[in-house]
Amino acid sequence: MKNPSQHSQETIERMKANSEAAKRRLARLNDEYRVRQQAQKLSQSKVAAKGETFGEAVTRIAREAQITI
């Protein structure tokens, strides 16, 4: 950022508001990422507990890939 005296008060306030908005978006994305990671760990542990065969795993992965595409 330039010397604050080189910016108008309106510009400084806008930059601060943009910074705060970016922090909120990043926090929300981090929360969503954590939830996805926890869900993925839970789903993987359930799959491992079932003792699926290699063929079943391949089928499941293919089915999941088609859903996310």
C-alpha atoms as a PDB file:
ATOM      1  CA  MET A   1       0.000   0.000   0.000  1.00  0.00           C
ATOM      2  CA  LYS A   2       1.194   3.488  -0.755  1.00  0.00           C
ATOM      3  CA  ASN A   3       1.743   6.136   1.850  1.00  0.00           C
ATOM      4  CA  PRO A   4      -1.715   6.667   3.417  1.00  0.00           C
ATOM      5  CA  SER A   5      -1.501  10.399   2.760  1.00  0.00           C
ATOM      6  CA  GLN A   6      -1.490   9.635  -0.992  1.00  0.00           C
ATOM      7  CA  HIS A   7      -4.980   8.079  -0.815  1.00  0.00           C
ATOM      8  CA  SER A   8      -8.288   9.726  -0.147  1.00  0.00           C
ATOM      9  CA  GLN A   9     -10.183   8.670   2.953  1.00  0.00           C
ATOM     10  CA  GLU A  10     -12.818   7.065   0.723  1.00  0.00           C
ATOM     11  CA  THR A  11     -10.162   4.941  -1.003  1.00  0.00           C
ATOM     12  CA  ILE A  12      -8.661   3.870   2.320  1.00  0.00           C
ATOM     13  CA  GLU A  13     -12.087   2.857   3.623  1.00  0.00           C
ATOM     14  CA  ARG A  14     -12.816   0.926   0.427  1.00  0.00           C
ATOM     15  CA  MET A  15      -9.486  -0.921   0.678  1.00  0.00           C
ATOM     16  CA  LYS A  16     -10.196  -1.809   4.317  1.00  0.00           C
ATOM     17  CA  ALA A  17     -13.692  -3.019   3.423  1.00  0.00           C
ATOM     18  CA  ASN A  18     -12.307  -5.130   0.568  1.00  0.00           C
ATOM     19  CA  SER A  19      -9.699  -6.587   2.899  1.00  0.00           C
ATOM     20  CA  GLU A  20     -12.312  -7.505   5.492  1.00  0.00           C
ATOM     21  CA  ALA A  21     -14.547  -9.058   2.836  1.00  0.00           C
ATOM     22  CA  ALA A  22     -11.620 -11.112   1.535  1.00  0.00           C
ATOM     23  CA  LYS A  23     -10.842 -12.321   5.060  1.00  0.00           C
ATOM     24  CA  ARG A  24     -14.469 -13.397   5.546  1.00  0.00           C
ATOM     25  CA  ARG A  25     -14.497 -15.242   2.188  1.00  0.00           C
ATOM     26  CA  LEU A  26     -11.241 -16.993   3.040  1.00  0.00           C
ATOM     27  CA  ALA A  27     -12.543 -18.018   6.466  1.00  0.00           C
ATOM     28  CA  ARG A  28     -15.738 -19.399   4.877  1.00  0.00           C
ATOM     29  CA  LEU A  29     -13.745 -21.333   2.266  1.00  0.00           C
ATOM     30  CA  ASN A  30     -11.465 -22.747   4.967  1.00  0.00           C
ATOM     31  CA  ASP A  31     -14.499 -23.872   6.973  1.00  0.00           C
ATOM     32  CA  GLU A  32     -16.014 -25.521   3.892  1.00  0.00           C
ATOM     33  CA  TYR A  33     -12.693 -27.244   3.155  1.00  0.00           C
ATOM     34  CA  ARG A  34     -12.498 -28.603   6.709  1.00  0.00           C
ATOM     35  CA  VAL A  35     -16.041 -29.964   6.476  1.00  0.00           C
ATOM     36  CA  ARG A  36     -15.286 -31.646   3.128  1.00  0.00           C
ATOM     37  CA  GLN A  37     -12.108 -33.196   4.529  1.00  0.00           C
ATOM     38  CA  GLN A  38     -13.953 -34.546   7.579  1.00  0.00           C
ATOM     39  CA  ALA A  39     -16.719 -35.953   5.383  1.00  0.00           C
ATOM     40  CA  GLN A  40     -14.175 -37.571   3.113  1.00  0.00           C
ATOM     41  CA  LYS A  41     -12.364 -39.159   6.067  1.00  0.00           C
ATOM     42  CA  LEU A  42     -15.650 -40.478   7.442  1.00  0.00           C
ATOM     43  CA  SER A  43     -16.705 -41.915   4.094  1.00  0.00           C
ATOM     44  CA  GLN A  44     -13.301 -43.535   3.573  1.00  0.00           C
ATOM     45  CA  SER A  45     -13.365 -45.134   6.997  1.00  0.00           C
ATOM     46  CA  LYS A  46     -16.843 -46.565   6.282  1.00  0.00           C
ATOM     47  CA  VAL A  47     -15.603 -48.024   3.002  1.00  0.00           C
ATOM     48  CA  ALA A  48     -12.589 -49.569   4.685  1.00  0.00           C
ATOM     49  CA  ALA A  49     -14.812 -51.055   7.384  1.00  0.00           C
ATOM     50  CA  LYS A  50     -16.973 -52.832   4.764  1.00  0.00           C
ATOM     51  CA  GLY A  51     -13.924 -54.566   3.328  1.00  0.00           C
ATOM     52  CA  GLU A  52     -14.874 -53.925  -0.281  1.00  0.00           C
ATOM     53  CA  THR A  53     -13.158 -55.838  -3.025  1.00  0.00           C
ATOM     54  CA  PHE A  54     -10.937 -54.234  -5.637  1.00  0.00           C
ATOM     55  CA  GLY A  55     -13.702 -54.412  -8.229  1.00  0.00           C
ATOM     56  CA  GLU A  56     -16.178 -52.789  -5.859  1.00  0.00           C
ATOM     57  CA  ALA A  57     -13.688 -50.020  -5.130  1.00  0.00           C
ATOM     58  CA  VAL A  58     -13.158 -49.376  -8.846  1.00  0.00           C
ATOM     59  CA  THR A  59     -16.915 -49.272  -9.411  1.00  0.00           C
ATOM     60  CA  ARG A  60     -17.429 -46.902  -6.476  1.00  0.00           C
ATOM     61  CA  ILE A  61     -14.649 -44.562  -7.623  1.00  0.00           C
ATOM     62  CA  ALA A  62     -16.037 -44.482 -11.168  1.00  0.00           C
ATOM     63  CA  ARG A  63     -19.529 -43.768  -9.873  1.00  0.00           C
ATOM     64  CA  GLU A  64     -18.242 -40.946  -7.601  1.00  0.00           C
ATOM     65  CA  ALA A  65     -16.236 -39.420 -10.440  1.00  0.00           C
ATOM     66  CA  GLN A  66     -19.308 -39.272 -12.654  1.00  0.00           C
ATOM     67  CA  ILE A  67     -21.320 -37.597  -9.908  1.00  0.00           C
ATOM     68  CA  THR A  68     -18.736 -34.862  -9.326  1.00  0.00           C
ATOM     69  CA  ILE A  69     -18.191 -34.087 -13.019  1.00  0.00           C
END
